[in-house]
N, C-alpha and C. Protein backbone atom coordinates (compact mmCIF):
# COMPACT_ATOMS: atom_id res chain seq x y z
N UNK A 1 0.82 -1.23 0.02
CA UNK A 1 0.17 0.13 -0.04
C UNK A 1 0.90 1.19 0.09
N UNK A 2 0.21 2.13 -0.62
CA UNK A 2 1.15 3.55 -0.88
C UNK A 2 0.58 4.39 -0.02
N UNK A 3 1.78 5.17 0.80
CA UNK A 3 1.51 5.97 1.96
C UNK A 3 1.04 7.30 1.43
N UNK A 4 0.46 8.11 2.38
CA UNK A 4 -0.13 9.46 1.70
C UNK A 4 0.95 10.09 1.18
N UNK A 5 0.61 10.86 -0.10
CA UNK A 5 1.83 11.51 -0.66
C UNK A 5 1.96 12.68 -0.02
N UNK A 6 1.18 13.43 0.58
CA UNK A 6 1.31 14.71 1.26
C UNK A 6 1.78 14.44 2.76
N UNK A 7 2.98 15.08 2.96
CA UNK A 7 3.35 15.01 4.45
C UNK A 7 2.44 15.65 5.05
N UNK A 8 2.38 14.98 6.63
CA UNK A 8 1.77 15.95 7.54
C UNK A 8 2.53 16.96 8.32
N UNK A 9 2.01 18.06 8.22
CA UNK A 9 2.81 19.28 9.03
C UNK A 9 2.37 19.31 10.57
N UNK A 10 3.34 19.43 11.01
CA UNK A 10 3.11 19.16 12.64
C UNK A 10 3.44 20.78 13.06
N UNK A 11 2.65 21.60 13.86
CA UNK A 11 2.73 23.08 14.24
C UNK A 11 3.70 22.90 15.66
N UNK A 12 4.62 23.63 15.82
CA UNK A 12 5.35 23.44 16.94
C UNK A 12 4.53 24.08 18.13
N UNK A 13 3.54 24.83 18.10
CA UNK A 13 2.77 25.22 19.00
C UNK A 13 1.21 25.10 18.69
N UNK A 14 0.42 24.22 18.65
CA UNK A 14 -0.97 23.94 18.15
C UNK A 14 -1.74 24.75 18.96
N UNK A 15 -2.86 25.25 18.44
CA UNK A 15 -3.95 25.99 19.10
C UNK A 15 -4.71 25.04 20.27
N UNK A 16 -4.75 25.37 21.30
CA UNK A 16 -5.61 24.73 22.38
C UNK A 16 -6.87 24.52 22.24
N UNK A 17 -7.43 23.14 22.35
CA UNK A 17 -9.11 23.10 22.22
C UNK A 17 -9.83 23.82 22.92
N UNK A 18 -9.74 24.22 24.22
CA UNK A 18 -10.72 24.79 25.29
C UNK A 18 -10.15 26.21 24.80
N UNK A 19 -11.25 27.23 25.09
CA UNK A 19 -11.04 28.58 25.30
C UNK A 19 -11.02 28.98 26.71
N UNK A 20 -9.76 28.63 27.43
CA UNK A 20 -9.32 29.01 28.75
C UNK A 20 -8.00 29.87 28.99
N UNK A 21 -7.50 29.69 29.95
CA UNK A 21 -6.48 30.69 30.24
C UNK A 21 -5.15 30.12 29.40
N UNK A 22 -5.13 28.87 29.14
CA UNK A 22 -3.83 28.46 28.23
C UNK A 22 -4.18 28.97 26.68
N UNK A 23 -5.56 29.01 26.24
CA UNK A 23 -5.65 29.67 24.77
C UNK A 23 -5.40 31.04 24.95
N UNK A 24 -5.81 31.81 26.24
CA UNK A 24 -5.63 33.11 25.98
C UNK A 24 -4.14 33.52 25.79
N UNK A 25 -3.15 32.65 26.53
CA UNK A 25 -1.62 32.68 26.57
C UNK A 25 -1.15 32.48 25.21
N UNK A 26 -1.59 31.54 24.56
CA UNK A 26 -1.35 31.02 23.16
C UNK A 26 -1.86 32.12 22.26
N UNK A 27 -2.93 32.76 22.39
CA UNK A 27 -3.70 33.84 21.19
C UNK A 27 -2.53 35.02 21.54
N UNK A 28 -2.29 35.36 23.06
CA UNK A 28 -1.36 36.52 23.05
C UNK A 28 -0.12 36.41 22.31
N UNK A 29 0.47 35.26 22.01
CA UNK A 29 1.78 34.90 21.48
C UNK A 29 1.65 34.92 20.09
N UNK A 30 0.30 34.75 19.61
CA UNK A 30 0.40 34.75 18.26
C UNK A 30 0.15 36.06 17.60
N UNK A 31 0.90 36.34 16.34
CA UNK A 31 0.94 37.37 15.87
C UNK A 31 -0.37 38.00 15.25
N UNK A 32 -1.04 37.10 14.51
CA UNK A 32 -2.19 37.31 13.92
C UNK A 32 -3.49 37.47 14.58
N UNK A 33 -3.43 37.35 16.09
CA UNK A 33 -4.84 37.16 16.78
C UNK A 33 -4.72 38.84 17.66
N UNK A 34 -5.82 39.45 17.37
CA UNK A 34 -5.62 40.88 17.96
C UNK A 34 -6.55 40.73 19.53
N UNK A 35 -6.15 41.84 20.01
CA UNK A 35 -6.67 41.82 21.53
C UNK A 35 -8.28 41.68 21.26
N UNK A 36 -8.66 42.30 20.17
CA UNK A 36 -10.09 42.35 20.00
C UNK A 36 -10.60 41.21 19.91
N UNK A 37 -10.30 40.37 19.06
CA UNK A 37 -10.39 38.70 18.93
C UNK A 37 -10.61 38.11 20.09
N UNK A 38 -9.38 38.21 20.97
CA UNK A 38 -9.38 37.87 22.27
C UNK A 38 -10.33 37.92 23.16
N UNK A 39 -10.77 39.25 23.30
CA UNK A 39 -11.93 39.78 24.10
C UNK A 39 -13.28 39.10 23.45
N UNK A 40 -13.43 38.93 22.25
CA UNK A 40 -14.75 38.46 21.69
C UNK A 40 -14.87 36.77 22.21
N UNK A 41 -13.70 35.96 21.92
CA UNK A 41 -13.82 34.78 22.23
C UNK A 41 -13.73 34.31 23.64
N UNK A 42 -12.85 35.02 24.35
CA UNK A 42 -12.54 34.39 25.68
C UNK A 42 -13.37 35.67 26.78
N UNK A 43 -13.48 36.72 26.50
CA UNK A 43 -13.98 37.75 27.31
C UNK A 43 -12.77 38.38 28.44
N UNK A 44 -11.56 38.23 27.95
CA UNK A 44 -10.65 38.81 28.67
C UNK A 44 -10.11 40.06 27.87
N UNK A 45 -9.99 41.16 28.62
CA UNK A 45 -9.82 42.57 28.11
C UNK A 45 -8.19 42.64 27.88
N UNK A 46 -7.50 43.61 27.47
CA UNK A 46 -6.10 43.63 27.11
C UNK A 46 -5.25 43.81 28.53
N UNK A 47 -6.10 44.55 29.42
CA UNK A 47 -5.48 44.61 30.67
C UNK A 47 -5.27 43.12 31.48
N UNK A 48 -6.55 42.57 31.37
CA UNK A 48 -6.39 41.21 31.86
C UNK A 48 -5.30 40.25 31.23
N UNK A 49 -5.43 40.23 29.87
CA UNK A 49 -4.60 39.42 29.03
C UNK A 49 -2.88 39.77 29.78
N UNK A 50 -2.40 41.06 30.00
CA UNK A 50 -1.33 41.47 30.30
C UNK A 50 -1.23 40.90 31.82
N UNK A 51 -2.17 40.85 32.60
CA UNK A 51 -1.69 40.41 33.95
C UNK A 51 -1.89 39.08 34.09
N UNK A 52 -2.30 38.34 33.16
CA UNK A 52 -2.37 36.80 32.94
C UNK A 52 -0.81 36.30 32.39
N UNK A 53 -0.58 36.95 31.37
CA UNK A 53 0.85 36.99 30.89
C UNK A 53 1.90 37.28 31.90
N UNK A 54 1.75 38.29 32.72
CA UNK A 54 2.91 38.84 33.85
C UNK A 54 2.80 37.43 34.93
N UNK A 55 1.82 37.04 35.20
CA UNK A 55 1.35 35.96 36.18
C UNK A 55 2.05 34.48 35.73
N UNK A 56 1.77 34.09 34.48
CA UNK A 56 2.21 32.76 34.08
C UNK A 56 3.73 32.76 33.42
N UNK A 57 4.28 33.86 32.97
CA UNK A 57 5.37 34.04 32.45
C UNK A 57 6.58 34.21 33.27
N UNK A 58 7.76 33.38 32.87
CA UNK A 58 8.81 34.24 33.53
C UNK A 58 9.12 35.48 32.95
N UNK A 59 9.89 36.47 33.82
CA UNK A 59 10.08 37.53 33.86
C UNK A 59 10.52 37.94 32.38
N UNK A 60 11.60 37.31 32.16
CA UNK A 60 12.34 37.78 30.72
C UNK A 60 11.30 37.37 29.59
N UNK A 61 10.71 36.10 29.73
CA UNK A 61 9.55 36.05 28.90
C UNK A 61 8.66 37.01 28.63
N UNK A 62 8.06 37.36 29.83
CA UNK A 62 6.95 38.74 29.69
C UNK A 62 7.36 39.77 29.28
N UNK A 63 8.86 40.05 29.52
CA UNK A 63 9.57 41.26 28.97
C UNK A 63 9.66 41.27 27.26
N UNK A 64 9.99 39.95 26.79
CA UNK A 64 10.06 39.69 25.40
C UNK A 64 8.70 40.01 24.69
N UNK A 65 7.79 39.32 25.51
CA UNK A 65 6.17 39.41 24.80
C UNK A 65 5.87 40.76 24.95
N UNK A 66 6.10 41.64 25.95
CA UNK A 66 5.83 43.08 25.99
C UNK A 66 6.49 43.94 24.67
N UNK A 67 7.43 43.83 24.63
CA UNK A 67 8.25 44.37 23.79
C UNK A 67 8.01 44.11 22.20
N UNK A 68 7.47 42.67 22.01
CA UNK A 68 6.94 42.31 20.76
C UNK A 68 5.89 42.86 20.55
N UNK A 69 4.71 42.79 21.43
CA UNK A 69 3.41 43.56 21.41
C UNK A 69 3.52 45.04 21.03
N UNK A 70 4.33 45.73 21.94
CA UNK A 70 4.60 47.14 21.73
C UNK A 70 5.02 47.47 20.46
N UNK A 71 5.83 46.94 19.78
CA UNK A 71 6.72 47.28 18.56
C UNK A 71 5.81 46.71 17.33
N UNK A 72 5.11 45.82 17.35
CA UNK A 72 4.13 45.57 16.33
C UNK A 72 2.69 46.20 16.48
N UNK A 73 2.03 46.60 15.56
CA UNK A 73 0.93 47.16 15.33
C UNK A 73 -0.28 46.31 15.40
N UNK A 74 -0.13 44.86 14.86
CA UNK A 74 -1.18 43.92 14.33
C UNK A 74 -1.63 43.49 15.51
N UNK A 75 -1.35 43.82 16.65
CA UNK A 75 -2.16 43.18 17.95
C UNK A 75 -3.54 44.08 18.43
N UNK A 76 -3.56 45.37 17.65
CA UNK A 76 -4.58 46.09 17.73
C UNK A 76 -5.53 46.17 16.39
N UNK A 77 -6.62 46.01 16.15
CA UNK A 77 -7.36 45.80 14.95
C UNK A 77 -7.10 47.16 14.16
N UNK A 78 -7.54 48.17 14.66
CA UNK A 78 -7.51 49.56 13.87
C UNK A 78 -6.10 49.88 13.50
N UNK A 79 -5.02 49.49 14.19
CA UNK A 79 -3.66 49.79 13.75
C UNK A 79 -3.45 48.84 12.53
N UNK A 80 -3.69 47.57 12.95
CA UNK A 80 -3.52 46.45 11.81
C UNK A 80 -4.29 46.71 10.46
N UNK A 81 -5.43 47.26 10.65
CA UNK A 81 -6.10 47.70 9.38
C UNK A 81 -5.63 48.74 8.84
N UNK A 82 -5.39 49.84 9.52
CA UNK A 82 -4.38 51.19 8.95
C UNK A 82 -3.05 50.48 8.27
N UNK A 83 -2.43 49.55 9.01
CA UNK A 83 -0.99 49.25 8.31
C UNK A 83 -1.25 48.59 6.95
N UNK A 84 -2.31 47.91 6.97
CA UNK A 84 -2.66 47.23 5.56
C UNK A 84 -2.92 47.86 4.48
N UNK A 85 -3.76 49.20 4.82
CA UNK A 85 -4.15 50.04 3.89
C UNK A 85 -3.12 50.57 3.29
N UNK A 86 -2.18 51.29 4.13
CA UNK A 86 -0.83 51.78 3.63
C UNK A 86 0.08 50.81 2.71
N UNK A 87 0.05 49.43 3.02
CA UNK A 87 0.86 48.60 2.54
C UNK A 87 0.33 48.46 0.94
N UNK A 88 -1.26 48.35 0.99
CA UNK A 88 -1.98 48.28 -0.45
C UNK A 88 -1.62 49.54 -1.30
N UNK A 89 -1.81 50.71 -0.66
CA UNK A 89 -1.53 52.00 -1.22
C UNK A 89 0.03 52.03 -2.06
N UNK A 90 0.99 51.48 -1.32
CA UNK A 90 2.38 51.27 -1.83
C UNK A 90 2.42 50.43 -2.96
N UNK A 91 1.64 49.38 -2.86
CA UNK A 91 1.68 48.21 -3.89
C UNK A 91 0.84 48.83 -5.20
N UNK A 92 -0.21 49.61 -4.87
CA UNK A 92 -0.84 50.07 -5.78
C UNK A 92 -0.08 51.13 -6.89
N UNK A 93 0.78 52.10 -6.02
CA UNK A 93 1.53 53.01 -6.78
C UNK A 93 2.68 52.08 -7.68
N UNK A 94 2.98 51.24 -7.45
CA UNK A 94 4.12 50.34 -8.38
C UNK A 94 3.29 49.58 -9.35
N UNK A 95 1.98 49.52 -9.54
CA UNK A 95 1.35 48.62 -10.53
C UNK A 95 1.66 49.48 -11.89
N UNK A 96 1.48 48.88 -12.77
CA UNK A 96 1.80 49.84 -14.13
C UNK A 96 0.55 49.74 -15.15
């Protein structure tokens, strides 16, 4: 018998099944999940997510996460949408 021709891709950190504190921590680390989406799915506000991350991560990991969140505009929906518009405008300028 022939094995599957398509390899199974394993994700290093798969999404947790239940929406609980573990899911919130996973979502906070994920780049493409905004704080607004976390609020909609779990009920945790941005401040609560920060407190949860501070409580559950080592100090160095928490500092890295905060630095990452503050430097990236994609954790907030409005900033993400604005950055996407700017990128599209730049691309459209180069269309011939």
